[in-house]
């Protein structure tokens, strides 16, 4: 069941038929990276500018995060390293957060340091890492332009460190954080090339605050009612899931309200994307600029009877959007190759020709930009989650019954997800037979298959560096 069919089509670097090839240019490309917070795939349908990116570029339909939790995922994005190499496992010390990221020497080995050293103007806007304090922590290594908030989740009444100067914002509509970031980003991209800019929005993270202009949109909208919504655990489900009680009518009412607010909250993000694409076109830089849209993790809302949250190994939480437009990128193509957030740092540094500061566990995605599968691509993605406990300073502290599973390691391939919990429980969700992940198939697998899955998981969870990790990610069951 777990076996993958190897991709045998060799990559072609030419544009597919019907697309406009990028004109040759000696200039280093510009890169705009939009990273949303807790955005799941089910919100893309409410984002017309993101959908336009899908029509104009490549959509990676099997893009996974190394952990469905903010700080571990963002640490993997910055460094290209798996959590067991960044040593960032949670949002708060001693096992995570901004302090742990720095304590383990990660800051000197990010794509930002590499790109800045390669002649790029670099900008970091919005959210950095959990635990960053604007008045205490200042401008971080690798960034020319720094406009970063600490607690920006309410979208109003926050402090922004603007290149070392702390600026307080209030409650006027013009102070809405996503719009402030949009204004700064638009000004930054007008100041010359080559540039890299990361715009990390707090939206649509709880408390799901939309811009005032969008607060009345989508009246009556509720959360999707897929097969997993309100589903009860089967007899082979892990204990932590069996302990979740059924959804009550009040839970469903709250979930529908929150989903509607999330759809409203991403409107400003989508408007920012449209504005930036229009600015790039007005500057005649569209043939020399890559725009990448993604999320740090997904989000469940009622699936498996879970209240809103993340941190599980379910598709709702670990599979998120990754959409790329730019020179040489195929138009309107969806690729199902297994890719992961550790691939972003090596992609950025390869595009910029500036890989010096990094030693990633991931692999550049540029061979896939042509919109065709690549021979001998990776077969599995690794997900590593450490139970964070309950910390009142953690903005992602799970609410009751939202999912706070035990520590686990998991691998996801093209056909299923295998999970080993620290409790000794194991699960295997066969996505070919059960795409909604309602049944644990582990007992149906032959002993030899289970042993092979364990070996692959162990190889991935202990790999270090690009060569060793690529070998582990390419293992055949």
Protein backbone atom coordinates (compact mmCIF):
# COMPACT_ATOMS: atom_id res chain seq x y z
CA UNK A 1 0.00 0.00 0.00
CA UNK A 2 2.81 2.33 0.90
CA UNK A 3 4.82 1.74 -2.26
CA UNK A 4 5.46 4.65 -4.50
CA UNK A 5 5.74 4.58 -8.23
CA UNK A 6 9.03 6.19 -9.22
CA UNK A 7 8.78 9.23 -11.44
CA UNK A 8 10.49 8.35 -14.68
CA UNK A 9 10.01 11.47 -16.71
CA UNK A 10 13.21 13.50 -17.02
CA UNK A 11 12.99 17.20 -16.33
CA UNK A 12 12.82 19.65 -19.20
CA UNK A 13 13.96 23.20 -18.53
CA UNK A 14 12.09 24.59 -21.51
CA UNK A 15 8.65 26.11 -21.09
CA UNK A 16 5.71 23.83 -21.94
CA UNK A 17 3.83 24.29 -25.17
CA UNK A 18 1.58 27.29 -25.12
CA UNK A 19 3.46 29.20 -22.42
CA UNK A 20 5.63 32.25 -22.92
CA UNK A 21 9.30 31.49 -22.27
CA UNK A 22 11.17 33.85 -20.00
CA UNK A 23 13.53 36.19 -21.79
CA UNK A 24 17.20 35.59 -20.92
CA UNK A 25 18.53 38.04 -18.34
CA UNK A 26 21.85 38.41 -16.60
CA UNK A 27 20.12 40.13 -13.68
CA UNK A 28 19.62 38.24 -10.45
CA UNK A 29 15.91 37.57 -9.96
CA UNK A 30 13.79 39.27 -7.36
CA UNK A 31 11.94 37.02 -4.92
CA UNK A 32 8.73 37.80 -3.02
CA UNK A 33 7.71 35.22 -0.42
CA UNK A 34 4.26 35.52 1.17
CA UNK A 35 3.94 33.29 4.23
CA UNK A 36 0.52 33.16 5.89
CA UNK A 37 -0.18 31.86 9.39
CA UNK A 38 -2.43 28.79 9.85
CA UNK A 39 -3.87 29.05 6.34
CA UNK A 40 -5.37 25.75 5.18
CA UNK A 41 -6.13 24.71 1.61
CA UNK A 42 -9.86 25.29 2.13
CA UNK A 43 -9.32 29.08 2.23
CA UNK A 44 -7.75 29.37 -1.22
CA UNK A 45 -11.20 29.28 -2.82
CA UNK A 46 -11.87 32.71 -1.25
CA UNK A 47 -8.65 34.28 -2.59
CA UNK A 48 -9.02 35.32 -6.26
CA UNK A 49 -5.48 36.69 -6.55
CA UNK A 50 -4.03 33.43 -5.24
CA UNK A 51 -6.20 31.58 -7.75
CA UNK A 52 -4.77 33.86 -10.45
CA UNK A 53 -1.29 32.76 -9.33
CA UNK A 54 -2.40 29.16 -9.81
CA UNK A 55 -3.47 29.96 -13.38
CA UNK A 56 -0.17 31.71 -14.06
CA UNK A 57 2.19 29.34 -12.28
CA UNK A 58 2.85 25.97 -10.66
CA UNK A 59 0.81 24.63 -7.75
CA UNK A 60 2.46 21.98 -5.58
CA UNK A 61 -0.42 19.80 -4.40
CA UNK A 62 1.73 17.61 -2.14
CA UNK A 63 3.63 20.27 -0.20
CA UNK A 64 4.11 19.42 3.47
CA UNK A 65 5.43 21.12 6.59
CA UNK A 66 7.96 19.51 8.93
CA UNK A 67 5.61 20.16 11.84
CA UNK A 68 2.10 21.60 11.91
CA UNK A 69 3.15 24.24 14.44
CA UNK A 70 4.38 27.78 13.79
CA UNK A 71 7.92 28.01 15.17
CA UNK A 72 9.26 24.57 14.16
CA UNK A 73 7.86 25.09 10.67
CA UNK A 74 9.27 28.61 10.30
CA UNK A 75 12.65 27.46 11.57
CA UNK A 76 12.69 24.80 8.84
CA UNK A 77 11.77 27.43 6.26
CA UNK A 78 14.54 29.82 7.31
CA UNK A 79 17.28 27.18 7.43
CA UNK A 80 16.13 24.33 5.17
CA UNK A 81 16.69 21.98 8.12
CA UNK A 82 14.43 19.43 9.75
CA UNK A 83 13.40 20.04 13.39
CA UNK A 84 15.88 17.47 14.68
CA UNK A 85 18.63 19.61 13.12
CA UNK A 86 17.31 23.06 14.07
CA UNK A 87 16.44 21.72 17.55
CA UNK A 88 13.32 23.88 17.45
CA UNK A 89 10.39 21.66 18.41
CA UNK A 90 7.87 23.97 20.07
CA UNK A 91 6.93 27.65 20.26
CA UNK A 92 8.44 28.33 23.68
CA UNK A 93 11.72 27.63 25.54
CA UNK A 94 13.45 25.39 26.33
CA UNK A 95 12.55 23.34 23.26
CA UNK A 96 11.41 26.04 20.86
CA UNK A 97 10.65 29.62 20.05
CA UNK A 98 12.89 32.53 19.12
CA UNK A 99 15.29 31.86 22.02
CA UNK A 100 15.83 28.23 21.06
CA UNK A 101 16.32 29.17 17.39
CA UNK A 102 19.16 31.49 18.39
CA UNK A 103 20.61 29.24 21.08
CA UNK A 104 21.23 26.50 18.54
CA UNK A 105 23.04 28.81 16.12
CA UNK A 106 20.37 28.83 13.43
CA UNK A 107 20.31 32.56 12.78
CA UNK A 108 23.74 32.56 11.08
CA UNK A 109 22.65 29.88 8.63
CA UNK A 110 19.43 31.18 7.11
CA UNK A 111 18.67 31.94 3.49
CA UNK A 112 18.52 35.62 4.47
CA UNK A 113 22.19 35.65 5.49
CA UNK A 114 23.12 33.89 2.25
CA UNK A 115 21.11 36.25 0.04
CA UNK A 116 22.30 39.38 1.80
CA UNK A 117 25.88 38.17 1.37
CA UNK A 118 25.11 37.58 -2.32
CA UNK A 119 24.20 41.20 -2.94
CA UNK A 120 20.46 41.16 -2.29
CA UNK A 121 18.46 43.76 -0.44
CA UNK A 122 16.49 41.67 2.05
CA UNK A 123 13.33 42.58 3.95
CA UNK A 124 11.45 40.80 6.72
CA UNK A 125 7.89 42.01 7.38
CA UNK A 126 5.24 40.92 9.86
CA UNK A 127 5.80 37.80 11.96
CA UNK A 128 9.28 36.41 12.61
CA UNK A 129 9.44 33.69 15.28
CA UNK A 130 7.33 33.10 18.37
CA UNK A 131 8.89 34.87 21.35
CA UNK A 132 10.45 37.75 19.39
CA UNK A 133 9.94 41.05 21.25
CA UNK A 134 10.23 44.25 19.17
CA UNK A 135 11.54 46.43 22.02
CA UNK A 136 14.04 43.84 23.24
CA UNK A 137 15.36 41.92 20.27
CA UNK A 138 16.00 44.44 17.52
CA UNK A 139 16.97 43.79 13.89
CA UNK A 140 18.14 40.26 13.20
CA UNK A 141 21.04 38.98 11.12
CA UNK A 142 20.60 38.82 7.37
CA UNK A 143 17.98 41.55 6.92
CA UNK A 144 18.49 45.01 5.41
CA UNK A 145 14.93 46.11 6.08
CA UNK A 146 13.19 44.94 9.26
CA UNK A 147 9.55 45.66 10.09
CA UNK A 148 8.51 42.98 12.56
CA UNK A 149 5.84 42.73 15.24
CA UNK A 150 5.71 40.64 18.40
CA UNK A 151 2.07 40.01 19.23
CA UNK A 152 0.44 40.97 15.96
CA UNK A 153 -2.38 38.43 16.17
CA UNK A 154 -5.07 41.03 17.02
CA UNK A 155 -4.02 42.98 13.86
CA UNK A 156 -4.46 46.24 15.82
CA UNK A 157 -2.74 47.80 18.87
CA UNK A 158 0.68 46.23 18.31
CA UNK A 159 4.31 47.33 18.31
CA UNK A 160 6.41 47.13 15.14
CA UNK A 161 10.20 47.22 15.20
CA UNK A 162 10.95 49.33 12.13
CA UNK A 163 14.68 49.01 11.52
CA UNK A 164 15.49 49.37 15.21
CA UNK A 165 12.83 51.96 16.06
CA UNK A 166 9.78 50.67 17.92
CA UNK A 167 6.55 52.15 16.55
CA UNK A 168 3.20 51.71 18.28
CA UNK A 169 0.10 51.24 16.16
CA UNK A 170 -3.45 51.80 17.31
CA UNK A 171 -6.97 50.87 16.30
CA UNK A 172 -7.61 53.03 13.24
CA UNK A 173 -8.44 51.11 10.05
CA UNK A 174 -5.13 52.31 8.58
CA UNK A 175 -3.31 50.48 11.40
CA UNK A 176 -4.53 47.05 10.30
CA UNK A 177 -1.30 45.05 10.30
CA UNK A 178 -1.70 43.23 6.97
CA UNK A 179 -2.32 46.59 5.26
CA UNK A 180 0.68 48.18 7.00
CA UNK A 181 2.85 45.32 5.75
CA UNK A 182 1.39 45.72 2.27
CA UNK A 183 2.33 49.42 2.19
CA UNK A 184 5.88 48.73 3.38
CA UNK A 185 6.28 45.89 0.87
CA UNK A 186 5.06 48.01 -2.03
CA UNK A 187 7.56 50.75 -1.17
CA UNK A 188 10.39 48.25 -0.73
CA UNK A 189 10.01 46.58 -4.13
CA UNK A 190 10.12 49.99 -5.83
CA UNK A 191 13.61 50.73 -4.50
CA UNK A 192 15.61 48.60 -6.92
CA UNK A 193 16.78 45.08 -7.65
CA UNK A 194 17.80 42.48 -6.77
CA UNK A 195 15.64 42.08 -3.69
CA UNK A 196 14.19 39.38 -1.49
CA UNK A 197 11.20 40.14 0.68
CA UNK A 198 9.35 37.88 3.09
CA UNK A 199 5.91 39.11 4.07
CA UNK A 200 4.79 36.91 6.94
CA UNK A 201 1.22 37.79 7.82
CA UNK A 202 -0.40 36.98 11.15
CA UNK A 203 -3.64 36.38 9.26
CA UNK A 204 -5.61 34.17 9.38
CA UNK A 205 -4.34 33.00 12.80
CA UNK A 206 -6.76 33.27 15.75
CA UNK A 207 -8.44 35.51 16.78
CA UNK A 208 -9.13 35.70 13.01
CA UNK A 209 -9.49 39.50 12.79
CA UNK A 210 -10.39 40.77 9.30
CA UNK A 211 -9.79 44.25 7.97
CA UNK A 212 -12.80 46.43 8.86
CA UNK A 213 -13.73 46.71 5.17
CA UNK A 214 -14.06 42.91 4.96
CA UNK A 215 -15.87 42.23 8.23
CA UNK A 216 -19.30 41.76 6.62
CA UNK A 217 -18.23 39.52 3.75
CA UNK A 218 -19.48 35.97 3.18
CA UNK A 219 -22.69 36.18 5.25
CA UNK A 220 -23.90 32.74 6.23
CA UNK A 221 -20.64 31.02 5.33
CA UNK A 222 -19.78 27.98 7.45
CA UNK A 223 -17.00 25.44 7.70
CA UNK A 224 -16.86 22.75 5.02
CA UNK A 225 -18.84 19.62 5.86
CA UNK A 226 -16.54 16.94 4.45
CA UNK A 227 -16.69 13.29 5.43
CA UNK A 228 -14.27 13.90 8.32
CA UNK A 229 -16.34 16.71 9.87
CA UNK A 230 -17.67 15.46 13.19
CA UNK A 231 -16.37 11.95 12.49
CA UNK A 232 -15.88 9.73 15.49
CA UNK A 233 -12.69 7.69 16.01
CA UNK A 234 -12.66 4.06 14.97
CA UNK A 235 -11.58 1.17 17.19
CA UNK A 236 -7.97 1.38 15.98
CA UNK A 237 -7.63 5.16 16.47
CA UNK A 238 -4.90 6.38 18.86
CA UNK A 239 -5.99 7.01 22.43
CA UNK A 240 -5.55 10.79 22.25
CA UNK A 241 -8.16 10.91 19.49
CA UNK A 242 -10.54 8.55 21.26
CA UNK A 243 -10.50 10.95 24.19
CA UNK A 244 -12.02 13.73 22.07
CA UNK A 245 -15.78 14.09 22.75
CA UNK A 246 -18.36 14.58 19.98
CA UNK A 247 -18.99 18.06 18.63
CA UNK A 248 -21.82 19.85 20.38
CA UNK A 249 -24.18 22.27 18.60
CA UNK A 250 -22.37 25.20 20.28
CA UNK A 251 -19.04 23.88 18.96
CA UNK A 252 -20.40 23.74 15.42
CA UNK A 253 -21.83 27.26 15.73
CA UNK A 254 -18.44 28.57 16.89
CA UNK A 255 -16.58 26.68 14.16
CA UNK A 256 -18.82 28.14 11.47
CA UNK A 257 -18.32 31.66 12.86
CA UNK A 258 -14.56 31.21 13.04
CA UNK A 259 -14.31 29.79 9.54
CA UNK A 260 -16.24 32.76 8.17
CA UNK A 261 -13.88 35.14 10.00
CA UNK A 262 -10.89 33.28 8.59
CA UNK A 263 -12.25 33.72 5.07
CA UNK A 264 -12.70 37.41 5.81
CA UNK A 265 -9.21 37.72 7.32
CA UNK A 266 -7.45 36.41 4.19
CA UNK A 267 -9.08 39.05 2.00
CA UNK A 268 -6.46 41.65 2.94
CA UNK A 269 -3.70 39.11 2.25
CA UNK A 270 -5.18 38.40 -1.16
CA UNK A 271 -5.53 42.11 -1.92
CA UNK A 272 -1.87 42.60 -0.96
CA UNK A 273 -0.86 39.90 -3.45
CA UNK A 274 -2.84 41.55 -6.22
CA UNK A 275 -1.28 44.91 -5.40
CA UNK A 276 2.27 43.54 -5.41
CA UNK A 277 1.77 41.75 -8.71
CA UNK A 278 0.42 44.97 -10.23
CA UNK A 279 3.42 46.92 -8.91
CA UNK A 280 5.87 44.38 -10.31
CA UNK A 281 4.14 44.58 -13.69
CA UNK A 282 4.21 48.40 -13.61
CA UNK A 283 7.95 48.25 -12.92
CA UNK A 284 8.35 45.82 -15.86
CA UNK A 285 9.95 43.31 -13.47
CA UNK A 286 7.49 40.44 -13.99
CA UNK A 287 10.02 38.53 -16.11
CA UNK A 288 12.63 38.81 -13.38
CA UNK A 289 10.55 38.24 -10.24
CA UNK A 290 9.43 35.07 -8.50
CA UNK A 291 6.42 35.22 -6.20
CA UNK A 292 5.86 32.33 -3.80
CA UNK A 293 2.71 31.90 -1.71
CA UNK A 294 2.42 29.46 1.18
CA UNK A 295 1.49 28.84 4.83
CA UNK A 296 3.43 27.72 7.90
CA UNK A 297 0.90 24.98 8.68
CA UNK A 298 -2.68 23.96 8.06
CA UNK A 299 -5.67 23.98 10.38
CA UNK A 300 -8.50 21.65 11.31
CA UNK A 301 -11.98 22.89 12.17
CA UNK A 302 -14.32 20.11 13.20
CA UNK A 303 -12.61 17.30 11.33
CA UNK A 304 -12.42 14.11 13.44
CA UNK A 305 -14.55 16.01 16.02
CA UNK A 306 -11.54 18.23 16.79
CA UNK A 307 -12.10 21.82 17.80
CA UNK A 308 -10.08 24.38 15.78
CA UNK A 309 -6.33 23.78 15.94
CA UNK A 310 -3.36 22.00 14.40
CA UNK A 311 -0.39 19.81 15.43
CA UNK A 312 -1.78 16.51 14.08
CA UNK A 313 -0.36 14.45 11.21
CA UNK A 314 -3.66 14.65 9.33
CA UNK A 315 -3.75 16.22 5.86
CA UNK A 316 -5.72 19.16 7.23
CA UNK A 317 -2.67 20.20 9.25
CA UNK A 318 0.46 19.11 7.35
CA UNK A 319 -0.48 19.65 3.67
CA UNK A 320 -0.64 23.33 2.78
CA UNK A 321 -0.56 25.51 -0.35
CA UNK A 322 2.63 26.24 -2.25
CA UNK A 323 2.15 28.27 -5.42
CA UNK A 324 4.95 29.78 -7.53
CA UNK A 325 4.92 32.25 -10.43
CA UNK A 326 7.93 33.71 -12.18
CA UNK A 327 10.37 33.46 -15.09
CA UNK A 328 10.55 29.97 -16.55
CA UNK A 329 7.72 28.71 -14.32
CA UNK A 330 5.05 26.78 -16.18
CA UNK A 331 1.53 28.21 -16.30
CA UNK A 332 -1.53 26.51 -14.89
CA UNK A 333 0.24 23.32 -13.83
CA UNK A 334 -0.38 21.25 -10.70
CA UNK A 335 2.40 18.90 -9.60
CA UNK A 336 1.97 16.05 -7.13
CA UNK A 337 5.68 15.54 -6.37
CA UNK A 338 6.40 15.26 -2.64
CA UNK A 339 7.92 18.57 -1.55
CA UNK A 340 8.46 20.07 1.90
CA UNK A 341 9.14 23.39 3.58
CA UNK A 342 12.83 22.46 4.01
CA UNK A 343 13.00 22.90 0.21
CA UNK A 344 12.32 26.64 0.30
CA UNK A 345 15.71 27.81 1.63
CA UNK A 346 17.73 25.88 -1.00
CA UNK A 347 15.29 27.09 -3.67
CA UNK A 348 15.81 30.73 -2.69
CA UNK A 349 19.58 30.41 -2.48
CA UNK A 350 19.82 28.59 -5.82
CA UNK A 351 17.71 31.23 -7.55
CA UNK A 352 19.96 33.89 -6.05
CA UNK A 353 23.23 32.02 -6.64
CA UNK A 354 24.11 32.52 -2.97
CA UNK A 355 24.09 29.27 -0.97
CA UNK A 356 27.15 29.93 1.19
CA UNK A 357 25.61 30.33 4.64
CA UNK A 358 23.31 27.31 4.50
CA UNK A 359 23.63 23.53 4.71
CA UNK A 360 20.03 22.41 4.24
CA UNK A 361 18.39 19.04 4.64
CA UNK A 362 16.04 19.98 1.79
CA UNK A 363 16.37 20.13 -1.98
CA UNK A 364 15.87 22.99 -4.43
CA UNK A 365 12.52 22.99 -6.21
CA UNK A 366 13.81 24.78 -9.30
CA UNK A 367 13.96 21.59 -11.42
CA UNK A 368 10.19 21.31 -10.93
CA UNK A 369 9.40 24.86 -12.03
CA UNK A 370 9.06 23.68 -15.62
CA UNK A 371 5.89 21.91 -14.52
CA UNK A 372 7.06 18.36 -15.18
CA UNK A 373 7.95 15.54 -12.78
CA UNK A 374 11.62 14.78 -12.22
CA UNK A 375 13.19 11.33 -12.28
CA UNK A 376 14.18 9.95 -8.86
CA UNK A 377 12.53 12.72 -6.86
CA UNK A 378 12.02 12.22 -3.11
CA UNK A 379 9.52 9.60 -2.01
CA UNK A 380 8.68 10.70 1.53
CA UNK A 381 8.30 13.82 3.63
CA UNK A 382 9.15 13.76 7.33
CA UNK A 383 6.93 15.32 10.01
CA UNK A 384 8.34 15.70 13.54
CA UNK A 385 6.15 16.83 16.41
CA UNK A 386 6.99 17.21 20.07
CA UNK A 387 4.15 17.55 22.55
CA UNK A 388 4.37 21.20 23.67
CA UNK A 389 2.44 20.89 26.90
CA UNK A 390 0.47 23.89 28.09
CA UNK A 391 2.17 27.29 28.24
CA UNK A 392 0.04 30.39 28.73
CA UNK A 393 2.57 32.50 26.77
CA UNK A 394 2.14 30.32 23.67
CA UNK A 395 -0.35 31.80 21.16
CA UNK A 396 -0.83 28.27 19.85
CA UNK A 397 -1.56 26.68 23.20
CA UNK A 398 -4.31 24.25 22.23
CA UNK A 399 -7.79 24.94 23.47
CA UNK A 400 -9.62 22.05 25.04
CA UNK A 401 -10.34 19.22 22.61
CA UNK A 402 -8.55 20.97 19.73
CA UNK A 403 -5.81 18.27 19.51
CA UNK A 404 -2.66 18.07 21.56
CA UNK A 405 -1.31 14.69 20.47
CA UNK A 406 1.65 12.98 22.12
CA UNK A 407 5.10 13.40 20.59
CA UNK A 408 5.27 11.63 17.23
CA UNK A 409 7.32 11.10 14.09
CA UNK A 410 5.61 10.56 10.74
CA UNK A 411 6.36 10.02 7.08
CA UNK A 412 4.03 10.92 4.23
CA UNK A 413 4.40 9.43 0.75
CA UNK A 414 2.17 9.55 -2.31
CA UNK A 415 -0.14 6.88 -0.94
CA UNK A 416 -0.33 7.26 2.81
CA UNK A 417 0.90 8.54 6.17
CA UNK A 418 2.67 6.41 8.76
CA UNK A 419 2.89 7.69 12.35
CA UNK A 420 4.76 6.45 15.41
CA UNK A 421 3.73 7.97 18.76
CA UNK A 422 5.91 8.03 21.85
CA UNK A 423 3.15 6.02 23.52
CA UNK A 424 4.04 3.05 21.32
CA UNK A 425 0.92 3.42 19.18
CA UNK A 426 1.25 3.44 15.39
CA UNK A 427 -1.13 4.47 12.63
CA UNK A 428 -1.17 4.13 8.87
CA UNK A 429 -3.70 6.06 6.81
CA UNK A 430 -4.03 4.69 3.29
CA UNK A 431 -5.03 7.70 1.21
CA UNK A 432 -5.72 5.61 -1.88
CA UNK A 433 -8.47 3.63 -0.11
CA UNK A 434 -9.47 6.20 2.51
CA UNK A 435 -8.70 9.76 1.37
CA UNK A 436 -10.49 11.23 4.40
CA UNK A 437 -8.19 9.35 6.82
CA UNK A 438 -11.04 7.84 8.81
CA UNK A 439 -9.50 4.40 9.34
CA UNK A 440 -6.19 3.22 10.75
CA UNK A 441 -4.94 0.48 8.40
CA UNK A 442 -1.87 -0.47 10.41
CA UNK A 443 -3.17 -3.89 11.44
CA UNK A 444 -3.76 -4.85 7.81
CA UNK A 445 -0.13 -4.34 6.79
CA UNK A 446 2.23 -7.33 6.67
CA UNK A 447 4.90 -7.37 9.37
CA UNK A 448 7.62 -6.88 6.77
CA UNK A 449 5.91 -3.73 5.47
CA UNK A 450 5.55 -2.30 8.96
CA UNK A 451 9.22 -2.98 9.63
CA UNK A 452 10.23 -1.27 6.39
CA UNK A 453 8.12 1.77 7.26
CA UNK A 454 9.82 1.95 10.64
CA UNK A 455 13.26 1.76 9.00
CA UNK A 456 12.40 4.56 6.57
CA UNK A 457 11.08 6.71 9.42
CA UNK A 458 14.20 6.13 11.51
CA UNK A 459 16.49 6.98 8.59
CA UNK A 460 14.65 10.24 7.98
CA UNK A 461 14.39 11.25 11.62
CA UNK A 462 18.16 10.84 12.08
CA UNK A 463 19.50 12.25 8.80
CA UNK A 464 21.75 15.32 8.61
CA UNK A 465 22.61 17.43 5.60
CA UNK A 466 21.54 17.38 1.95
CA UNK A 467 23.19 14.14 0.83
CA UNK A 468 22.19 11.95 3.77
CA UNK A 469 18.66 13.35 4.02
CA UNK A 470 18.05 13.05 0.28
CA UNK A 471 19.08 9.41 0.49
CA UNK A 472 16.66 8.85 3.39
CA UNK A 473 13.84 10.72 1.65
CA UNK A 474 14.37 8.58 -1.46
CA UNK A 475 14.14 5.20 0.26
CA UNK A 476 11.81 2.64 -1.27
CA UNK A 477 9.55 0.60 1.04
